[in-house]
Amino acid sequence: MTRKRAKDPNVCGVTAAIAVIDGKWKTSLLWLLESGPHRPAALRRLLPGLSEKVLTQALREMEEDGLVHREVHDVLPPKTVYSLTPFGLELAEALAPLSDWGHRRLDRMTAS
């Protein structure tokens, strides 16, 4: 799915929503930021396998989509903190039932 589809008014709402969270790391980042602001290094520690380049790209896209807020503190060395915007929190709340469904699916698979 392309990022362009996230802004296409002629697609269904589910497609537009999935385009915003598409990718390997965005849902995990959304979940971590739901608990409060995090610095990029903390996010990388919590998500082994996530490279700095991919983290930066995902956070920039999420910022562009209005999901995260980037705050740069004017100190040396520079301190950057990411947090969810109200729009990002709204998305996290909307995804909660889908997360519950996913956990039930996993439980079913392990019970079989």
PDB file of N, CA and C in Angstrom:
ATOM      1  N   MET A   1       0.853  -1.163   0.000  1.00  0.00           N
ATOM      2  CA  MET A   1       0.000   0.000   0.000  1.00  0.00           C
ATOM      3  C   MET A   1       0.906   1.235   0.000  1.00  0.00           C
ATOM      4  N   THR A   2       0.562   2.206  -0.771  1.00  0.00           N
ATOM      5  CA  THR A   2       1.405   3.389  -0.838  1.00  0.00           C
ATOM      6  C   THR A   2       0.923   4.465   0.117  1.00  0.00           C
ATOM      7  N   ARG A   3       1.828   5.356   0.476  1.00  0.00           N
ATOM      8  CA  ARG A   3       1.480   6.471   1.355  1.00  0.00           C
ATOM      9  C   ARG A   3       0.464   7.383   0.687  1.00  0.00           C
ATOM     10  N   LYS A   4       0.497   7.425  -0.627  1.00  0.00           N
ATOM     11  CA  LYS A   4      -0.437   8.263  -1.376  1.00  0.00           C
ATOM     12  C   LYS A   4      -1.880   7.846  -1.124  1.00  0.00           C
ATOM     13  N   ARG A   5      -2.108   6.558  -0.903  1.00  0.00           N
ATOM     14  CA  ARG A   5      -3.468   6.066  -0.663  1.00  0.00           C
ATOM     15  C   ARG A   5      -4.037   6.557   0.655  1.00  0.00           C
ATOM     16  N   ALA A   6      -3.148   6.928   1.588  1.00  0.00           N
ATOM     17  CA  ALA A   6      -3.620   7.432   2.872  1.00  0.00           C
ATOM     18  C   ALA A   6      -4.318   8.776   2.705  1.00  0.00           C
ATOM     19  N   LYS A   7      -4.055   9.456   1.608  1.00  0.00           N
ATOM     20  CA  LYS A   7      -4.633  10.783   1.371  1.00  0.00           C
ATOM     21  C   LYS A   7      -5.647  10.796   0.239  1.00  0.00           C
ATOM     22  N   ASP A   8      -5.903   9.644  -0.354  1.00  0.00           N
ATOM     23  CA  ASP A   8      -6.830   9.554  -1.479  1.00  0.00           C
ATOM     24  C   ASP A   8      -8.266   9.547  -0.956  1.00  0.00           C
ATOM     25  N   PRO A   9      -9.058  10.571  -1.287  1.00  0.00           N
ATOM     26  CA  PRO A   9     -10.436  10.622  -0.778  1.00  0.00           C
ATOM     27  C   PRO A   9     -11.357   9.591  -1.430  1.00  0.00           C
ATOM     28  N   ASN A  10     -10.878   8.884  -2.443  1.00  0.00           N
ATOM     29  CA  ASN A  10     -11.718   7.924  -3.158  1.00  0.00           C
ATOM     30  C   ASN A  10     -11.499   6.479  -2.715  1.00  0.00           C
ATOM     31  N   VAL A  11     -10.850   6.266  -1.562  1.00  0.00           N
ATOM     32  CA  VAL A  11     -10.695   4.908  -1.038  1.00  0.00           C
ATOM     33  C   VAL A  11     -11.580   4.775   0.193  1.00  0.00           C
ATOM     34  N   CYS A  12     -11.855   3.545   0.576  1.00  0.00           N
ATOM     35  CA  CYS A  12     -12.684   3.342   1.771  1.00  0.00           C
ATOM     36  C   CYS A  12     -11.897   3.760   3.015  1.00  0.00           C
ATOM     37  N   GLY A  13     -12.599   4.042   4.085  1.00  0.00           N
ATOM     38  CA  GLY A  13     -11.982   4.510   5.314  1.00  0.00           C
ATOM     39  C   GLY A  13     -10.993   3.528   5.910  1.00  0.00           C
ATOM     40  N   VAL A  14     -11.290   2.244   5.810  1.00  0.00           N
ATOM     41  CA  VAL A  14     -10.379   1.234   6.365  1.00  0.00           C
ATOM     42  C   VAL A  14      -9.050   1.266   5.605  1.00  0.00           C
ATOM     43  N   THR A  15      -9.115   1.376   4.293  1.00  0.00           N
ATOM     44  CA  THR A  15      -7.900   1.449   3.480  1.00  0.00           C
ATOM     45  C   THR A  15      -7.088   2.683   3.847  1.00  0.00           C
ATOM     46  N   ALA A  16      -7.755   3.806   4.034  1.00  0.00           N
ATOM     47  CA  ALA A  16      -7.060   5.041   4.409  1.00  0.00           C
ATOM     48  C   ALA A  16      -6.410   4.905   5.779  1.00  0.00           C
ATOM     49  N   ALA A  17      -7.076   4.245   6.705  1.00  0.00           N
ATOM     50  CA  ALA A  17      -6.522   4.056   8.046  1.00  0.00           C
ATOM     51  C   ALA A  17      -5.332   3.096   8.012  1.00  0.00           C
ATOM     52  N   ILE A  18      -5.455   2.012   7.282  1.00  0.00           N
ATOM     53  CA  ILE A  18      -4.372   1.030   7.205  1.00  0.00           C
ATOM     54  C   ILE A  18      -3.151   1.633   6.520  1.00  0.00           C
ATOM     55  N   ALA A  19      -3.358   2.505   5.550  1.00  0.00           N
ATOM     56  CA  ALA A  19      -2.234   3.151   4.877  1.00  0.00           C
ATOM     57  C   ALA A  19      -1.404   3.974   5.855  1.00  0.00           C
ATOM     58  N   VAL A  20      -2.037   4.525   6.878  1.00  0.00           N
ATOM     59  CA  VAL A  20      -1.336   5.345   7.870  1.00  0.00           C
ATOM     60  C   VAL A  20      -0.508   4.482   8.814  1.00  0.00           C
ATOM     61  N   ILE A  21      -0.947   3.269   9.111  1.00  0.00           N
ATOM     62  CA  ILE A  21      -0.220   2.403  10.054  1.00  0.00           C
ATOM     63  C   ILE A  21       0.510   1.271   9.347  1.00  0.00           C
ATOM     64  N   ASP A  22       0.541   1.326   8.019  1.00  0.00           N
ATOM     65  CA  ASP A  22       1.194   0.280   7.244  1.00  0.00           C
ATOM     66  C   ASP A  22       2.690   0.246   7.550  1.00  0.00           C
ATOM     67  N   GLY A  23       3.232  -0.926   7.592  1.00  0.00           N
ATOM     68  CA  GLY A  23       4.654  -1.097   7.849  1.00  0.00           C
ATOM     69  C   GLY A  23       4.865  -1.962   9.077  1.00  0.00           C
ATOM     70  N   LYS A  24       6.084  -2.410   9.221  1.00  0.00           N
ATOM     71  CA  LYS A  24       6.406  -3.355  10.288  1.00  0.00           C
ATOM     72  C   LYS A  24       6.394  -2.725  11.681  1.00  0.00           C
ATOM     73  N   TRP A  25       6.724  -1.438  11.806  1.00  0.00           N
ATOM     74  CA  TRP A  25       6.984  -0.854  13.110  1.00  0.00           C
ATOM     75  C   TRP A  25       5.957   0.145  13.599  1.00  0.00           C
ATOM     76  N   LYS A  26       5.128   0.685  12.752  1.00  0.00           N
ATOM     77  CA  LYS A  26       4.254   1.785  13.157  1.00  0.00           C
ATOM     78  C   LYS A  26       3.254   1.399  14.240  1.00  0.00           C
ATOM     79  N   THR A  27       2.676   0.223  14.171  1.00  0.00           N
ATOM     80  CA  THR A  27       1.726  -0.162  15.218  1.00  0.00           C
ATOM     81  C   THR A  27       2.439  -0.351  16.555  1.00  0.00           C
ATOM     82  N   SER A  28       3.660  -0.884  16.522  1.00  0.00           N
ATOM     83  CA  SER A  28       4.437  -1.040  17.753  1.00  0.00           C
ATOM     84  C   SER A  28       4.803   0.326  18.330  1.00  0.00           C
ATOM     85  N   LEU A  29       5.186   1.253  17.476  1.00  0.00           N
ATOM     86  CA  LEU A  29       5.505   2.605  17.932  1.00  0.00           C
ATOM     87  C   LEU A  29       4.270   3.277  18.517  1.00  0.00           C
ATOM     88  N   LEU A  30       3.147   3.103  17.860  1.00  0.00           N
ATOM     89  CA  LEU A  30       1.891   3.675  18.355  1.00  0.00           C
ATOM     90  C   LEU A  30       1.581   3.117  19.744  1.00  0.00           C
ATOM     91  N   TRP A  31       1.746   1.822  19.906  1.00  0.00           N
ATOM     92  CA  TRP A  31       1.476   1.152  21.173  1.00  0.00           C
ATOM     93  C   TRP A  31       2.409   1.661  22.277  1.00  0.00           C
ATOM     94  N   LEU A  32       3.706   1.801  21.975  1.00  0.00           N
ATOM     95  CA  LEU A  32       4.655   2.292  22.973  1.00  0.00           C
ATOM     96  C   LEU A  32       4.388   3.749  23.337  1.00  0.00           C
ATOM     97  N   LEU A  33       4.100   4.576  22.341  1.00  0.00           N
ATOM     98  CA  LEU A  33       3.859   5.994  22.605  1.00  0.00           C
ATOM     99  C   LEU A  33       2.536   6.230  23.314  1.00  0.00           C
ATOM    100  N   GLU A  34       1.647   5.256  23.257  1.00  0.00           N
ATOM    101  CA  GLU A  34       0.376   5.372  23.967  1.00  0.00           C
ATOM    102  C   GLU A  34       0.609   5.446  25.474  1.00  0.00           C
ATOM    103  N   SER A  35       1.700   4.857  25.951  1.00  0.00           N
ATOM    104  CA  SER A  35       1.992   4.872  27.384  1.00  0.00           C
ATOM    105  C   SER A  35       2.645   6.179  27.837  1.00  0.00           C
ATOM    106  N   GLY A  36       3.039   7.016  26.892  1.00  0.00           N
ATOM    107  CA  GLY A  36       3.638   8.304  27.232  1.00  0.00           C
ATOM    108  C   GLY A  36       4.782   8.651  26.306  1.00  0.00           C
ATOM    109  N   PRO A  37       5.339   9.865  26.467  1.00  0.00           N
ATOM    110  CA  PRO A  37       6.435  10.321  25.598  1.00  0.00           C
ATOM    111  C   PRO A  37       7.675   9.444  25.735  1.00  0.00           C
ATOM    112  N   HIS A  38       8.395   9.309  24.631  1.00  0.00           N
ATOM    113  CA  HIS A  38       9.631   8.527  24.608  1.00  0.00           C
ATOM    114  C   HIS A  38      10.674   9.240  23.757  1.00  0.00           C
ATOM    115  N   ARG A  39      11.909   9.052  24.144  1.00  0.00           N
ATOM    116  CA  ARG A  39      13.025   9.507  23.318  1.00  0.00           C
ATOM    117  C   ARG A  39      13.318   8.417  22.294  1.00  0.00           C
ATOM    118  N   PRO A  40      13.898   8.799  21.137  1.00  0.00           N
ATOM    119  CA  PRO A  40      14.175   7.802  20.094  1.00  0.00           C
ATOM    120  C   PRO A  40      15.033   6.631  20.573  1.00  0.00           C
ATOM    121  N   ALA A  41      16.047   6.904  21.387  1.00  0.00           N
ATOM    122  CA  ALA A  41      16.910   5.808  21.864  1.00  0.00           C
ATOM    123  C   ALA A  41      16.120   4.812  22.708  1.00  0.00           C
ATOM    124  N   ALA A  42      15.173   5.306  23.494  1.00  0.00           N
ATOM    125  CA  ALA A  42      14.344   4.410  24.311  1.00  0.00           C
ATOM    126  C   ALA A  42      13.458   3.547  23.414  1.00  0.00           C
ATOM    127  N   LEU A  43      12.924   4.136  22.363  1.00  0.00           N
ATOM    128  CA  LEU A  43      12.087   3.363  21.434  1.00  0.00           C
ATOM    129  C   LEU A  43      12.906   2.261  20.774  1.00  0.00           C
ATOM    130  N   ARG A  44      14.136   2.577  20.382  1.00  0.00           N
ATOM    131  CA  ARG A  44      14.995   1.564  19.756  1.00  0.00           C
ATOM    132  C   ARG A  44      15.322   0.438  20.718  1.00  0.00           C
ATOM    133  N   ARG A  45      15.550   0.777  21.996  1.00  0.00           N
ATOM    134  CA  ARG A  45      15.843  -0.269  22.990  1.00  0.00           C
ATOM    135  C   ARG A  45      14.644  -1.189  23.186  1.00  0.00           C
ATOM    136  N   LEU A  46      13.450  -0.609  23.129  1.00  0.00           N
ATOM    137  CA  LEU A  46      12.239  -1.394  23.347  1.00  0.00           C
ATOM    138  C   LEU A  46      11.832  -2.219  22.131  1.00  0.00           C
ATOM    139  N   LEU A  47      12.385  -1.888  20.969  1.00  0.00           N
ATOM    140  CA  LEU A  47      12.048  -2.599  19.742  1.00  0.00           C
ATOM    141  C   LEU A  47      13.318  -3.135  19.077  1.00  0.00           C
ATOM    142  N   PRO A  48      13.857  -4.243  19.591  1.00  0.00           N
ATOM    143  CA  PRO A  48      15.073  -4.808  18.996  1.00  0.00           C
ATOM    144  C   PRO A  48      14.864  -5.099  17.508  1.00  0.00           C
ATOM    145  N   GLY A  49      15.867  -4.784  16.723  1.00  0.00           N
ATOM    146  CA  GLY A  49      15.783  -5.011  15.288  1.00  0.00           C
ATOM    147  C   GLY A  49      15.372  -3.772  14.514  1.00  0.00           C
ATOM    148  N   LEU A  50      14.927  -2.754  15.196  1.00  0.00           N
ATOM    149  CA  LEU A  50      14.525  -1.503  14.553  1.00  0.00           C
ATOM    150  C   LEU A  50      15.753  -0.627  14.380  1.00  0.00           C
ATOM    151  N   SER A  51      16.104  -0.323  13.136  1.00  0.00           N
ATOM    152  CA  SER A  51      17.281   0.504  12.884  1.00  0.00           C
ATOM    153  C   SER A  51      16.946   1.980  13.101  1.00  0.00           C
ATOM    154  N   GLU A  52      17.972   2.766  13.320  1.00  0.00           N
ATOM    155  CA  GLU A  52      17.782   4.207  13.525  1.00  0.00           C
ATOM    156  C   GLU A  52      17.149   4.846  12.296  1.00  0.00           C
ATOM    157  N   LYS A  53      17.584   4.408  11.117  1.00  0.00           N
ATOM    158  CA  LYS A  53      17.051   4.966   9.862  1.00  0.00           C
ATOM    159  C   LYS A  53      15.556   4.692   9.727  1.00  0.00           C
ATOM    160  N   VAL A  54      15.158   3.463   9.968  1.00  0.00           N
ATOM    161  CA  VAL A  54      13.749   3.084   9.835  1.00  0.00           C
ATOM    162  C   VAL A  54      12.914   3.763  10.912  1.00  0.00           C
ATOM    163  N   LEU A  55      13.452   3.862  12.136  1.00  0.00           N
ATOM    164  CA  LEU A  55      12.747   4.558  13.204  1.00  0.00           C
ATOM    165  C   LEU A  55      12.494   6.009  12.815  1.00  0.00           C
ATOM    166  N   THR A  56      13.526   6.684  12.338  1.00  0.00           N
ATOM    167  CA  THR A  56      13.391   8.085  11.936  1.00  0.00           C
ATOM    168  C   THR A  56      12.360   8.233  10.836  1.00  0.00           C
ATOM    169  N   GLN A  57      12.407   7.357   9.845  1.00  0.00           N
ATOM    170  CA  GLN A  57      11.453   7.419   8.736  1.00  0.00           C
ATOM    171  C   GLN A  57      10.025   7.193   9.224  1.00  0.00           C
ATOM    172  N   ALA A  58       9.826   6.198  10.068  1.00  0.00           N
ATOM    173  CA  ALA A  58       8.477   5.901  10.563  1.00  0.00           C
ATOM    174  C   ALA A  58       7.939   7.065  11.401  1.00  0.00           C
ATOM    175  N   LEU A  59       8.780   7.604  12.285  1.00  0.00           N
ATOM    176  CA  LEU A  59       8.331   8.715  13.119  1.00  0.00           C
ATOM    177  C   LEU A  59       8.029   9.959  12.291  1.00  0.00           C
ATOM    178  N   ARG A  60       8.812  10.215  11.260  1.00  0.00           N
ATOM    179  CA  ARG A  60       8.545  11.364  10.376  1.00  0.00           C
ATOM    180  C   ARG A  60       7.216  11.194   9.651  1.00  0.00           C
ATOM    181  N   GLU A  61       6.967   9.977   9.159  1.00  0.00           N
ATOM    182  CA  GLU A  61       5.697   9.724   8.480  1.00  0.00           C
ATOM    183  C   GLU A  61       4.527   9.863   9.448  1.00  0.00           C
ATOM    184  N   MET A  62       4.695   9.346  10.654  1.00  0.00           N
ATOM    185  CA  MET A  62       3.629   9.444  11.654  1.00  0.00           C
ATOM    186  C   MET A  62       3.403  10.901  12.063  1.00  0.00           C
ATOM    187  N   GLU A  63       4.475  11.684  12.100  1.00  0.00           N
ATOM    188  CA  GLU A  63       4.348  13.113  12.387  1.00  0.00           C
ATOM    189  C   GLU A  63       3.614  13.817  11.244  1.00  0.00           C
ATOM    190  N   GLU A  64       3.972  13.478  10.019  1.00  0.00           N
ATOM    191  CA  GLU A  64       3.318  14.054   8.837  1.00  0.00           C
ATOM    192  C   GLU A  64       1.823  13.716   8.811  1.00  0.00           C
ATOM    193  N   ASP A  65       1.479  12.533   9.296  1.00  0.00           N
ATOM    194  CA  ASP A  65       0.078  12.106   9.326  1.00  0.00           C
ATOM    195  C   ASP A  65      -0.673  12.639  10.539  1.00  0.00           C
ATOM    196  N   GLY A  66       0.024  13.381  11.391  1.00  0.00           N
ATOM    197  CA  GLY A  66      -0.624  13.997  12.539  1.00  0.00           C
ATOM    198  C   GLY A  66      -0.797  13.075  13.734  1.00  0.00           C
ATOM    199  N   LEU A  67      -0.066  11.955  13.753  1.00  0.00           N
ATOM    200  CA  LEU A  67      -0.209  10.986  14.838  1.00  0.00           C
ATOM    201  C   LEU A  67       0.739  11.255  16.001  1.00  0.00           C
ATOM    202  N   VAL A  68       1.930  11.752  15.694  1.00  0.00           N
ATOM    203  CA  VAL A  68       2.905  12.008  16.741  1.00  0.00           C
ATOM    204  C   VAL A  68       3.355  13.459  16.721  1.00  0.00           C
ATOM    205  N   HIS A  69       3.778  13.900  17.895  1.00  0.00           N
ATOM    206  CA  HIS A  69       4.327  15.242  18.064  1.00  0.00           C
ATOM    207  C   HIS A  69       5.802  15.095  18.398  1.00  0.00           C
ATOM    208  N   ARG A  70       6.632  15.851  17.718  1.00  0.00           N
ATOM    209  CA  ARG A  70       8.079  15.836  17.951  1.00  0.00           C
ATOM    210  C   ARG A  70       8.447  17.111  18.678  1.00  0.00           C
ATOM    211  N   GLU A  71       9.057  16.955  19.837  1.00  0.00           N
ATOM    212  CA  GLU A  71       9.462  18.113  20.620  1.00  0.00           C
ATOM    213  C   GLU A  71      10.974  18.081  20.796  1.00  0.00           C
ATOM    214  N   VAL A  72      11.631  19.142  20.353  1.00  0.00           N
ATOM    215  CA  VAL A  72      13.082  19.244  20.475  1.00  0.00           C
ATOM    216  C   VAL A  72      13.393  20.248  21.572  1.00  0.00           C
ATOM    217  N   HIS A  73      14.122  19.792  22.585  1.00  0.00           N
ATOM    218  CA  HIS A  73      14.519  20.648  23.697  1.00  0.00           C
ATOM    219  C   HIS A  73      15.859  21.290  23.357  1.00  0.00           C
ATOM    220  N   ASP A  74      15.985  22.560  23.621  1.00  0.00           N
ATOM    221  CA  ASP A  74      17.177  23.320  23.286  1.00  0.00           C
ATOM    222  C   ASP A  74      18.235  23.164  24.371  1.00  0.00           C
ATOM    223  N   VAL A  75      18.853  21.986  24.396  1.00  0.00           N
ATOM    224  CA  VAL A  75      19.934  21.685  25.334  1.00  0.00           C
ATOM    225  C   VAL A  75      21.047  21.007  24.558  1.00  0.00           C
ATOM    226  N   LEU A  76      22.213  20.912  25.180  1.00  0.00           N
ATOM    227  CA  LEU A  76      23.323  20.199  24.552  1.00  0.00           C
ATOM    228  C   LEU A  76      23.605  18.940  25.350  1.00  0.00           C
ATOM    229  N   PRO A  77      23.647  17.786  24.740  1.00  0.00           N
ATOM    230  CA  PRO A  77      23.253  17.519  23.356  1.00  0.00           C
ATOM    231  C   PRO A  77      21.739  17.675  23.189  1.00  0.00           C
ATOM    232  N   PRO A  78      21.290  17.891  21.945  1.00  0.00           N
ATOM    233  CA  PRO A  78      19.855  18.082  21.707  1.00  0.00           C
ATOM    234  C   PRO A  78      19.044  16.889  22.221  1.00  0.00           C
ATOM    235  N   LYS A  79      17.909  17.189  22.779  1.00  0.00           N
ATOM    236  CA  LYS A  79      17.022  16.155  23.325  1.00  0.00           C
ATOM    237  C   LYS A  79      15.709  16.205  22.549  1.00  0.00           C
ATOM    238  N   THR A  80      15.350  15.088  21.934  1.00  0.00           N
ATOM    239  CA  THR A  80      14.111  14.994  21.178  1.00  0.00           C
ATOM    240  C   THR A  80      13.191  14.000  21.866  1.00  0.00           C
ATOM    241  N   VAL A  81      11.934  14.365  21.981  1.00  0.00           N
ATOM    242  CA  VAL A  81      10.936  13.510  22.617  1.00  0.00           C
ATOM    243  C   VAL A  81       9.733  13.411  21.687  1.00  0.00           C
ATOM    244  N   TYR A  82       9.231  12.197  21.539  1.00  0.00           N
ATOM    245  CA  TYR A  82       8.040  11.957  20.717  1.00  0.00           C
ATOM    246  C   TYR A  82       6.875  11.558  21.604  1.00  0.00           C
ATOM    247  N   SER A  83       5.704  12.057  21.262  1.00  0.00           N
ATOM    248  CA  SER A  83       4.480  11.701  21.987  1.00  0.00           C
ATOM    249  C   SER A  83       3.334  11.633  20.991  1.00  0.00           C
ATOM    250  N   LEU A  84       2.266  10.983  21.398  1.00  0.00           N
ATOM    251  CA  LEU A  84       1.087  10.910  20.540  1.00  0.00           C
ATOM    252  C   LEU A  84       0.302  12.215  20.618  1.00  0.00           C
ATOM    253  N   THR A  85      -0.224  12.620  19.494  1.00  0.00           N
ATOM    254  CA  THR A  85      -1.133  13.755  19.443  1.00  0.00           C
ATOM    255  C   THR A  85      -2.525  13.256  19.850  1.00  0.00           C
ATOM    256  N   PRO A  86      -3.468  14.143  20.078  1.00  0.00           N
ATOM    257  CA  PRO A  86      -4.842  13.683  20.321  1.00  0.00           C
ATOM    258  C   PRO A  86      -5.364  12.809  19.172  1.00  0.00           C
ATOM    259  N   PHE A  87      -4.987  13.140  17.947  1.00  0.00           N
ATOM    260  CA  PHE A  87      -5.396  12.343  16.782  1.00  0.00           C
ATOM    261  C   PHE A  87      -4.759  10.953  16.835  1.00  0.00           C
ATOM    262  N   GLY A  88      -3.499  10.879  17.275  1.00  0.00           N
ATOM    263  CA  GLY A  88      -2.824   9.595  17.431  1.00  0.00           C
ATOM    264  C   GLY A  88      -3.446   8.759  18.535  1.00  0.00           C
ATOM    265  N   LEU A  89      -3.819   9.416  19.642  1.00  0.00           N
ATOM    266  CA  LEU A  89      -4.505   8.704  20.724  1.00  0.00           C
ATOM    267  C   LEU A  89      -5.847   8.165  20.255  1.00  0.00           C
ATOM    268  N   GLU A  90      -6.528   8.941  19.426  1.00  0.00           N
ATOM    269  CA  GLU A  90      -7.813   8.498  18.874  1.00  0.00           C
ATOM    270  C   GLU A  90      -7.625   7.242  18.026  1.00  0.00           C
ATOM    271  N   LEU A  91      -6.563   7.227  17.229  1.00  0.00           N
ATOM    272  CA  LEU A  91      -6.272   6.037  16.420  1.00  0.00           C
ATOM    273  C   LEU A  91      -5.950   4.843  17.312  1.00  0.00           C
ATOM    274  N   ALA A  92      -5.152   5.064  18.346  1.00  0.00           N
ATOM    275  CA  ALA A  92      -4.811   3.969  19.267  1.00  0.00           C
ATOM    276  C   ALA A  92      -6.068   3.388  19.905  1.00  0.00           C
ATOM    277  N   GLU A  93      -6.995   4.247  20.300  1.00  0.00           N
ATOM    278  CA  GLU A  93      -8.259   3.785  20.881  1.00  0.00           C
ATOM    279  C   GLU A  93      -9.088   3.016  19.852  1.00  0.00           C
ATOM    280  N   ALA A  94      -9.069   3.483  18.612  1.00  0.00           N
ATOM    281  CA  ALA A  94      -9.827   2.798  17.560  1.00  0.00           C
ATOM    282  C   ALA A  94      -9.237   1.422  17.264  1.00  0.00           C
ATOM    283  N   LEU A  95      -7.929   1.266  17.441  1.00  0.00           N
ATOM    284  CA  LEU A  95      -7.269  -0.010  17.168  1.00  0.00           C
ATOM    285  C   LEU A  95      -7.378  -1.001  18.313  1.00  0.00           C
ATOM    286  N   ALA A  96      -7.782  -0.548  19.500  1.00  0.00           N
ATOM    287  CA  ALA A  96      -7.861  -1.434  20.666  1.00  0.00           C
ATOM    288  C   ALA A  96      -8.748  -2.665  20.421  1.00  0.00           C
ATOM    289  N   PRO A  97      -9.955  -2.512  19.846  1.00  0.00           N
ATOM    290  CA  PRO A  97     -10.757  -3.711  19.578  1.00  0.00           C
ATOM    291  C   PRO A  97     -10.090  -4.658  18.573  1.00  0.00           C
ATOM    292  N   LEU A  98      -9.376  -4.112  17.609  1.00  0.00           N
ATOM    293  CA  LEU A  98      -8.673  -4.952  16.647  1.00  0.00           C
ATOM    294  C   LEU A  98      -7.552  -5.715  17.355  1.00  0.00           C
ATOM    295  N   SER A  99      -6.875  -5.058  18.290  1.00  0.00           N
ATOM    296  CA  SER A  99      -5.837  -5.717  19.076  1.00  0.00           C
ATOM    297  C   SER A  99      -6.427  -6.852  19.903  1.00  0.00           C
ATOM    298  N   ASP A 100      -7.567  -6.599  20.523  1.00  0.00           N
ATOM    299  CA  ASP A 100      -8.244  -7.646  21.307  1.00  0.00           C
ATOM    300  C   ASP A 100      -8.581  -8.837  20.425  1.00  0.00           C
ATOM    301  N   TRP A 101      -9.086  -8.564  19.229  1.00  0.00           N
ATOM    302  CA  TRP A 101      -9.414  -9.630  18.286  1.00  0.00           C
ATOM    303  C   TRP A 101      -8.158 -10.422  17.930  1.00  0.00           C
ATOM    304  N   GLY A 102      -7.060  -9.711  17.699  1.00  0.00           N
ATOM    305  CA  GLY A 102      -5.800 -10.377  17.356  1.00  0.00           C
ATOM    306  C   GLY A 102      -5.322 -11.305  18.469  1.00  0.00           C
ATOM    307  N   HIS A 103      -5.453 -10.870  19.710  1.00  0.00           N
ATOM    308  CA  HIS A 103      -5.068 -11.727  20.838  1.00  0.00           C
ATOM    309  C   HIS A 103      -5.971 -12.958  20.939  1.00  0.00           C
ATOM    310  N   ARG A 104      -7.268 -12.773  20.696  1.00  0.00           N
ATOM    311  CA  ARG A 104      -8.177 -13.933  20.699  1.00  0.00           C
ATOM    312  C   ARG A 104      -7.806 -14.898  19.587  1.00  0.00           C
ATOM    313  N   ARG A 105      -7.420 -14.383  18.438  1.00  0.00           N
ATOM    314  CA  ARG A 105      -7.000 -15.235  17.310  1.00  0.00           C
ATOM    315  C   ARG A 105      -5.768 -16.030  17.707  1.00  0.00           C
ATOM    316  N   LEU A 106      -4.788 -15.368  18.328  1.00  0.00           N
ATOM    317  CA  LEU A 106      -3.585 -16.061  18.743  1.00  0.00           C
ATOM    318  C   LEU A 106      -3.888 -17.142  19.775  1.00  0.00           C
ATOM    319  N   ASP A 107      -4.795 -16.840  20.712  1.00  0.00           N
ATOM    320  CA  ASP A 107      -5.210 -17.841  21.699  1.00  0.00           C
ATOM    321  C   ASP A 107      -5.839 -19.042  21.021  1.00  0.00           C
ATOM    322  N   ARG A 108      -6.679 -18.799  20.022  1.00  0.00           N
ATOM    323  CA  ARG A 108      -7.321 -19.898  19.287  1.00  0.00           C
ATOM    324  C   ARG A 108      -6.302 -20.766  18.576  1.00  0.00           C
ATOM    325  N   MET A 109      -5.304 -20.102  17.992  1.00  0.00           N
ATOM    326  CA  MET A 109      -4.274 -20.853  17.248  1.00  0.00           C
ATOM    327  C   MET A 109      -3.453 -21.732  18.173  1.00  0.00           C
ATOM    328  N   THR A 110      -3.147 -21.229  19.360  1.00  0.00           N
ATOM    329  CA  THR A 110      -2.330 -22.028  20.286  1.00  0.00           C
ATOM    330  C   THR A 110      -3.150 -23.126  20.952  1.00  0.00           C
ATOM    331  N   ALA A 111      -4.483 -22.931  21.033  1.00  0.00           N
ATOM    332  CA  ALA A 111      -5.348 -23.944  21.621  1.00  0.00           C
ATOM    333  C   ALA A 111      -5.600 -25.110  20.682  1.00  0.00           C
ATOM    334  N   SER A 112      -5.404 -24.905  19.410  1.00  0.00           N
ATOM    335  CA  SER A 112      -5.675 -25.961  18.411  1.00  0.00           C
ATOM    336  C   SER A 112      -4.636 -27.050  18.424  1.00  0.00           C
TER     337      SER A 112
END
